Amino acid sequence: MGGILSLMATNGESATQWLNDNHGKVSIERIQQIIRSISQKIARLTPEHPEYDGLIAALDVMNEYKANISPDRALSEPSLTDLLDASPLVPEVTEAKAMHPEEKKRRFQQLLKKSDM
């Protein structure tokens, strides 16, 4: 499973690209598996780790995608453009790096709760 993270989802942009490349080919179960994998990796890192912010962004992208392909919405088959928000999680990278580690941890906890929906 670690291999999938090296191929995609190391930041919001790579997660979005991976979803674009694999749209319609990946099950919700696979998305959940990737979300768990990203979450586990984040849990092992400190907020100061260079990959932390990118993984948080990737987790956010995957959660958003999962929320939009939930079984209730499967009937309407939304387009990929509707499913993905390619805007950055944090407007500027410097702003994310300026976040206090406790703020980063809170953001991760919020994303974990969102993953459990």
N, C-alpha and C. Protein backbone atom coordinates (compact mmCIF):
# COMPACT_ATOMS: atom_id res chain seq x y z
N MET A 1 0.83 -1.20 0.00
CA MET A 1 0.00 0.00 0.00
C MET A 1 0.87 1.26 0.00
N GLY A 2 2.05 1.19 0.61
CA GLY A 2 2.94 2.34 0.59
C GLY A 2 3.29 2.74 -0.82
N GLY A 3 3.29 1.76 -1.75
CA GLY A 3 3.61 2.04 -3.14
C GLY A 3 2.65 3.01 -3.77
N ILE A 4 1.38 2.90 -3.43
CA ILE A 4 0.39 3.82 -4.00
C ILE A 4 0.69 5.25 -3.58
N LEU A 5 1.15 5.44 -2.36
CA LEU A 5 1.45 6.80 -1.92
C LEU A 5 2.65 7.36 -2.64
N SER A 6 3.58 6.51 -3.02
CA SER A 6 4.73 7.03 -3.75
C SER A 6 4.33 7.39 -5.18
N LEU A 7 3.27 6.79 -5.68
CA LEU A 7 2.81 7.08 -7.03
C LEU A 7 1.84 8.25 -7.08
N MET A 8 1.15 8.51 -6.00
CA MET A 8 0.15 9.57 -5.99
C MET A 8 -0.09 10.07 -4.58
N ALA A 9 -0.92 11.06 -4.49
CA ALA A 9 -1.43 11.54 -3.22
C ALA A 9 -0.37 11.95 -2.20
N THR A 10 0.70 12.54 -2.67
CA THR A 10 1.67 13.08 -1.73
C THR A 10 1.41 14.57 -1.49
N ASN A 11 0.53 15.13 -2.31
CA ASN A 11 0.06 16.50 -2.08
C ASN A 11 -1.28 16.64 -2.81
N GLY A 12 -1.93 17.76 -2.63
CA GLY A 12 -3.24 17.95 -3.23
C GLY A 12 -3.22 17.88 -4.75
N GLU A 13 -2.18 18.42 -5.35
CA GLU A 13 -2.08 18.43 -6.82
C GLU A 13 -1.89 17.01 -7.36
N SER A 14 -1.02 16.23 -6.73
CA SER A 14 -0.80 14.86 -7.22
C SER A 14 -2.02 13.98 -6.98
N ALA A 15 -2.73 14.21 -5.88
CA ALA A 15 -3.97 13.45 -5.62
C ALA A 15 -5.02 13.79 -6.68
N THR A 16 -5.14 15.07 -7.01
CA THR A 16 -6.09 15.49 -8.05
C THR A 16 -5.73 14.88 -9.39
N GLN A 17 -4.45 14.90 -9.72
CA GLN A 17 -4.00 14.32 -10.99
C GLN A 17 -4.29 12.83 -11.03
N TRP A 18 -4.01 12.13 -9.94
CA TRP A 18 -4.26 10.70 -9.87
C TRP A 18 -5.75 10.40 -10.05
N LEU A 19 -6.59 11.19 -9.41
CA LEU A 19 -8.04 11.01 -9.55
C LEU A 19 -8.48 11.29 -10.99
N ASN A 20 -7.91 12.31 -11.61
CA ASN A 20 -8.21 12.61 -13.02
C ASN A 20 -7.83 11.43 -13.90
N ASP A 21 -6.65 10.89 -13.68
CA ASP A 21 -6.16 9.78 -14.49
C ASP A 21 -6.95 8.49 -14.27
N ASN A 22 -7.52 8.33 -13.08
CA ASN A 22 -8.19 7.08 -12.73
C ASN A 22 -9.70 7.22 -12.57
N HIS A 23 -10.25 8.34 -12.98
CA HIS A 23 -11.70 8.56 -12.83
C HIS A 23 -12.48 7.45 -13.52
N GLY A 24 -13.43 6.90 -12.78
CA GLY A 24 -14.26 5.84 -13.34
C GLY A 24 -13.63 4.46 -13.24
N LYS A 25 -12.36 4.37 -12.85
CA LYS A 25 -11.66 3.09 -12.77
C LYS A 25 -11.43 2.65 -11.33
N VAL A 26 -11.79 3.48 -10.39
CA VAL A 26 -11.46 3.19 -8.99
C VAL A 26 -12.76 3.17 -8.16
N SER A 27 -12.85 2.17 -7.29
CA SER A 27 -14.03 2.02 -6.45
C SER A 27 -13.95 2.90 -5.22
N ILE A 28 -15.10 3.10 -4.60
CA ILE A 28 -15.13 3.87 -3.35
C ILE A 28 -14.33 3.15 -2.28
N GLU A 29 -14.31 1.82 -2.33
CA GLU A 29 -13.52 1.05 -1.36
C GLU A 29 -12.03 1.36 -1.52
N ARG A 30 -11.59 1.48 -2.76
CA ARG A 30 -10.18 1.80 -3.02
C ARG A 30 -9.85 3.21 -2.53
N ILE A 31 -10.78 4.14 -2.75
CA ILE A 31 -10.59 5.51 -2.25
C ILE A 31 -10.48 5.48 -0.73
N GLN A 32 -11.34 4.71 -0.07
CA GLN A 32 -11.28 4.61 1.39
C GLN A 32 -9.95 4.01 1.84
N GLN A 33 -9.46 3.02 1.11
CA GLN A 33 -8.17 2.41 1.43
C GLN A 33 -7.04 3.44 1.31
N ILE A 34 -7.08 4.25 0.28
CA ILE A 34 -6.07 5.29 0.09
C ILE A 34 -6.16 6.33 1.20
N ILE A 35 -7.38 6.71 1.56
CA ILE A 35 -7.58 7.67 2.66
C ILE A 35 -6.98 7.12 3.95
N ARG A 36 -7.22 5.84 4.23
CA ARG A 36 -6.65 5.23 5.44
C ARG A 36 -5.12 5.24 5.38
N SER A 37 -4.58 4.93 4.22
CA SER A 37 -3.13 4.89 4.06
C SER A 37 -2.52 6.28 4.28
N ILE A 38 -3.13 7.29 3.68
CA ILE A 38 -2.63 8.66 3.86
C ILE A 38 -2.74 9.05 5.33
N SER A 39 -3.87 8.74 5.95
CA SER A 39 -4.09 9.09 7.37
C SER A 39 -3.05 8.43 8.26
N GLN A 40 -2.75 7.16 7.99
CA GLN A 40 -1.75 6.46 8.79
C GLN A 40 -0.37 7.10 8.63
N LYS A 41 -0.05 7.48 7.41
CA LYS A 41 1.25 8.11 7.18
C LYS A 41 1.32 9.45 7.91
N ILE A 42 0.25 10.24 7.83
CA ILE A 42 0.23 11.54 8.52
C ILE A 42 0.38 11.33 10.03
N ALA A 43 -0.30 10.32 10.56
CA ALA A 43 -0.26 10.07 12.00
C ALA A 43 1.15 9.75 12.48
N ARG A 44 1.99 9.22 11.61
CA ARG A 44 3.37 8.88 11.98
C ARG A 44 4.30 10.09 11.90
N LEU A 45 3.85 11.16 11.26
CA LEU A 45 4.71 12.34 11.06
C LEU A 45 4.41 13.41 12.09
N THR A 46 5.36 14.30 12.26
CA THR A 46 5.11 15.50 13.06
C THR A 46 4.68 16.61 12.11
N PRO A 47 3.94 17.60 12.60
CA PRO A 47 3.52 18.69 11.72
C PRO A 47 4.67 19.45 11.07
N GLU A 48 5.86 19.33 11.62
CA GLU A 48 7.02 20.01 11.05
C GLU A 48 7.63 19.24 9.88
N HIS A 49 7.25 17.99 9.70
CA HIS A 49 7.82 17.16 8.64
C HIS A 49 7.51 17.78 7.28
N PRO A 50 8.45 17.77 6.34
CA PRO A 50 8.25 18.42 5.04
C PRO A 50 7.07 17.86 4.24
N GLU A 51 6.69 16.61 4.44
CA GLU A 51 5.58 16.02 3.69
C GLU A 51 4.22 16.25 4.34
N TYR A 52 4.21 16.72 5.58
CA TYR A 52 2.97 16.82 6.36
C TYR A 52 1.90 17.65 5.65
N ASP A 53 2.24 18.86 5.24
CA ASP A 53 1.25 19.75 4.62
C ASP A 53 0.70 19.16 3.32
N GLY A 54 1.58 18.58 2.51
CA GLY A 54 1.15 17.99 1.25
C GLY A 54 0.21 16.81 1.47
N LEU A 55 0.51 15.99 2.47
CA LEU A 55 -0.36 14.85 2.77
C LEU A 55 -1.72 15.30 3.30
N ILE A 56 -1.73 16.36 4.08
CA ILE A 56 -3.00 16.91 4.56
C ILE A 56 -3.83 17.36 3.35
N ALA A 57 -3.20 18.04 2.41
CA ALA A 57 -3.90 18.50 1.20
C ALA A 57 -4.42 17.31 0.40
N ALA A 58 -3.60 16.25 0.27
CA ALA A 58 -4.01 15.05 -0.46
C ALA A 58 -5.20 14.40 0.23
N LEU A 59 -5.16 14.33 1.55
CA LEU A 59 -6.27 13.75 2.31
C LEU A 59 -7.55 14.55 2.10
N ASP A 60 -7.42 15.85 2.06
CA ASP A 60 -8.58 16.71 1.82
C ASP A 60 -9.18 16.45 0.44
N VAL A 61 -8.33 16.34 -0.58
CA VAL A 61 -8.79 16.07 -1.95
C VAL A 61 -9.51 14.72 -2.01
N MET A 62 -8.91 13.70 -1.40
CA MET A 62 -9.50 12.36 -1.44
C MET A 62 -10.82 12.32 -0.68
N ASN A 63 -10.89 13.01 0.47
CA ASN A 63 -12.14 13.07 1.23
C ASN A 63 -13.24 13.74 0.42
N GLU A 64 -12.88 14.82 -0.25
CA GLU A 64 -13.85 15.55 -1.07
C GLU A 64 -14.36 14.67 -2.20
N TYR A 65 -13.47 13.97 -2.84
CA TYR A 65 -13.85 13.07 -3.92
C TYR A 65 -14.78 11.97 -3.39
N LYS A 66 -14.39 11.37 -2.27
CA LYS A 66 -15.21 10.31 -1.66
C LYS A 66 -16.60 10.83 -1.31
N ALA A 67 -16.67 12.01 -0.75
CA ALA A 67 -17.97 12.58 -0.37
C ALA A 67 -18.86 12.78 -1.59
N ASN A 68 -18.23 13.08 -2.72
CA ASN A 68 -19.01 13.34 -3.93
C ASN A 68 -19.35 12.08 -4.72
N ILE A 69 -18.77 10.93 -4.35
CA ILE A 69 -19.15 9.69 -5.03
C ILE A 69 -19.86 8.74 -4.09
N SER A 70 -20.37 9.28 -2.99
CA SER A 70 -21.08 8.44 -2.03
C SER A 70 -22.27 7.78 -2.71
N PRO A 71 -22.75 6.65 -2.21
CA PRO A 71 -23.86 5.93 -2.84
C PRO A 71 -25.10 6.80 -3.08
N ASP A 72 -25.39 7.75 -2.20
CA ASP A 72 -26.57 8.61 -2.41
C ASP A 72 -26.45 9.43 -3.69
N ARG A 73 -25.21 9.79 -4.05
CA ARG A 73 -25.00 10.65 -5.21
C ARG A 73 -24.68 9.86 -6.46
N ALA A 74 -24.51 8.54 -6.34
CA ALA A 74 -24.10 7.72 -7.47
C ALA A 74 -25.13 7.75 -8.60
N LEU A 75 -26.37 7.97 -8.27
CA LEU A 75 -27.43 7.97 -9.29
C LEU A 75 -27.24 9.09 -10.31
N SER A 76 -26.75 10.24 -9.87
CA SER A 76 -26.66 11.38 -10.78
C SER A 76 -25.34 11.43 -11.56
N GLU A 77 -24.37 10.53 -11.28
CA GLU A 77 -23.08 10.49 -11.99
C GLU A 77 -22.50 11.88 -12.28
N PRO A 78 -22.01 12.57 -11.27
CA PRO A 78 -21.43 13.89 -11.50
C PRO A 78 -20.17 13.80 -12.36
N SER A 79 -19.88 14.87 -13.07
CA SER A 79 -18.67 14.87 -13.90
C SER A 79 -17.46 15.03 -13.00
N LEU A 80 -16.30 14.66 -13.50
CA LEU A 80 -15.07 14.77 -12.73
C LEU A 80 -14.80 16.22 -12.34
N THR A 81 -15.10 17.13 -13.22
CA THR A 81 -14.90 18.56 -12.92
C THR A 81 -15.73 18.97 -11.71
N ASP A 82 -16.95 18.42 -11.60
CA ASP A 82 -17.80 18.72 -10.45
C ASP A 82 -17.25 18.11 -9.17
N LEU A 83 -16.57 16.98 -9.30
CA LEU A 83 -16.09 16.26 -8.13
C LEU A 83 -14.84 16.85 -7.51
N LEU A 84 -13.98 17.40 -8.32
CA LEU A 84 -12.68 17.83 -7.83
C LEU A 84 -12.57 19.33 -7.66
N ASP A 85 -12.08 19.72 -6.53
CA ASP A 85 -11.77 21.11 -6.28
C ASP A 85 -10.25 21.22 -6.33
N ALA A 86 -9.75 21.76 -7.41
CA ALA A 86 -8.30 21.84 -7.60
C ALA A 86 -7.68 23.04 -6.90
N SER A 87 -8.48 23.84 -6.23
CA SER A 87 -7.92 25.00 -5.55
C SER A 87 -7.05 24.53 -4.39
N PRO A 88 -6.03 25.28 -4.07
CA PRO A 88 -5.13 24.86 -3.00
C PRO A 88 -5.85 24.83 -1.65
N LEU A 89 -5.45 23.89 -0.81
CA LEU A 89 -6.02 23.78 0.52
C LEU A 89 -5.75 25.04 1.33
N VAL A 90 -4.55 25.55 1.21
CA VAL A 90 -4.15 26.79 1.86
C VAL A 90 -3.68 27.71 0.75
N PRO A 91 -4.17 28.95 0.69
CA PRO A 91 -3.85 29.84 -0.42
C PRO A 91 -2.38 29.94 -0.77
N GLU A 92 -1.52 30.03 0.20
CA GLU A 92 -0.09 30.13 -0.10
C GLU A 92 0.68 29.15 0.76
N VAL A 93 1.68 28.55 0.18
CA VAL A 93 2.49 27.57 0.89
C VAL A 93 3.10 28.18 2.14
N THR A 94 3.53 29.42 2.04
CA THR A 94 4.16 30.06 3.20
C THR A 94 3.17 30.16 4.35
N GLU A 95 1.89 30.35 4.03
CA GLU A 95 0.88 30.42 5.07
C GLU A 95 0.76 29.07 5.79
N ALA A 96 0.80 27.97 5.04
CA ALA A 96 0.72 26.63 5.64
C ALA A 96 1.93 26.38 6.52
N LYS A 97 3.10 26.77 6.05
CA LYS A 97 4.31 26.56 6.85
C LYS A 97 4.30 27.43 8.10
N ALA A 98 3.59 28.56 8.05
CA ALA A 98 3.53 29.45 9.19
C ALA A 98 2.55 28.96 10.25
N MET A 99 1.71 27.99 9.90
CA MET A 99 0.76 27.46 10.87
C MET A 99 1.51 26.83 12.03
N HIS A 100 1.00 27.03 13.18
CA HIS A 100 1.56 26.41 14.37
C HIS A 100 1.31 24.90 14.30
N PRO A 101 2.24 24.09 14.79
CA PRO A 101 2.05 22.63 14.74
C PRO A 101 0.72 22.17 15.34
N GLU A 102 0.26 22.82 16.38
CA GLU A 102 -1.03 22.44 16.98
C GLU A 102 -2.18 22.71 16.02
N GLU A 103 -2.09 23.80 15.24
CA GLU A 103 -3.12 24.09 14.23
C GLU A 103 -3.12 23.01 13.15
N LYS A 104 -1.92 22.57 12.76
CA LYS A 104 -1.82 21.51 11.77
C LYS A 104 -2.44 20.21 12.29
N LYS A 105 -2.18 19.91 13.55
CA LYS A 105 -2.77 18.70 14.15
C LYS A 105 -4.29 18.80 14.19
N ARG A 106 -4.82 19.97 14.53
CA ARG A 106 -6.28 20.16 14.55
C ARG A 106 -6.87 19.97 13.16
N ARG A 107 -6.18 20.48 12.15
CA ARG A 107 -6.64 20.32 10.76
C ARG A 107 -6.67 18.84 10.39
N PHE A 108 -5.66 18.10 10.78
CA PHE A 108 -5.62 16.66 10.51
C PHE A 108 -6.80 15.96 11.20
N GLN A 109 -7.06 16.31 12.46
CA GLN A 109 -8.19 15.70 13.18
C GLN A 109 -9.52 16.00 12.49
N GLN A 110 -9.67 17.23 11.97
CA GLN A 110 -10.89 17.58 11.24
C GLN A 110 -11.03 16.72 9.99
N LEU A 111 -9.94 16.52 9.27
CA LEU A 111 -9.97 15.70 8.06
C LEU A 111 -10.25 14.24 8.39
N LEU A 112 -9.74 13.76 9.51
CA LEU A 112 -10.03 12.38 9.92
C LEU A 112 -11.52 12.20 10.18
N LYS A 113 -12.12 13.17 10.86
CA LYS A 113 -13.56 13.10 11.11
C LYS A 113 -14.33 13.10 9.81
N LYS A 114 -13.90 13.92 8.86
CA LYS A 114 -14.55 14.00 7.56
C LYS A 114 -14.42 12.67 6.82
N SER A 115 -13.28 11.98 6.99
CA SER A 115 -13.04 10.69 6.35
C SER A 115 -14.01 9.63 6.83
N ASP A 116 -14.44 9.73 8.06
CA ASP A 116 -15.31 8.73 8.65
C ASP A 116 -16.76 8.85 8.24
N MET A 117 -17.09 9.90 7.52
CA MET A 117 -18.49 10.11 7.11
C MET A 117 -18.98 8.99 6.25
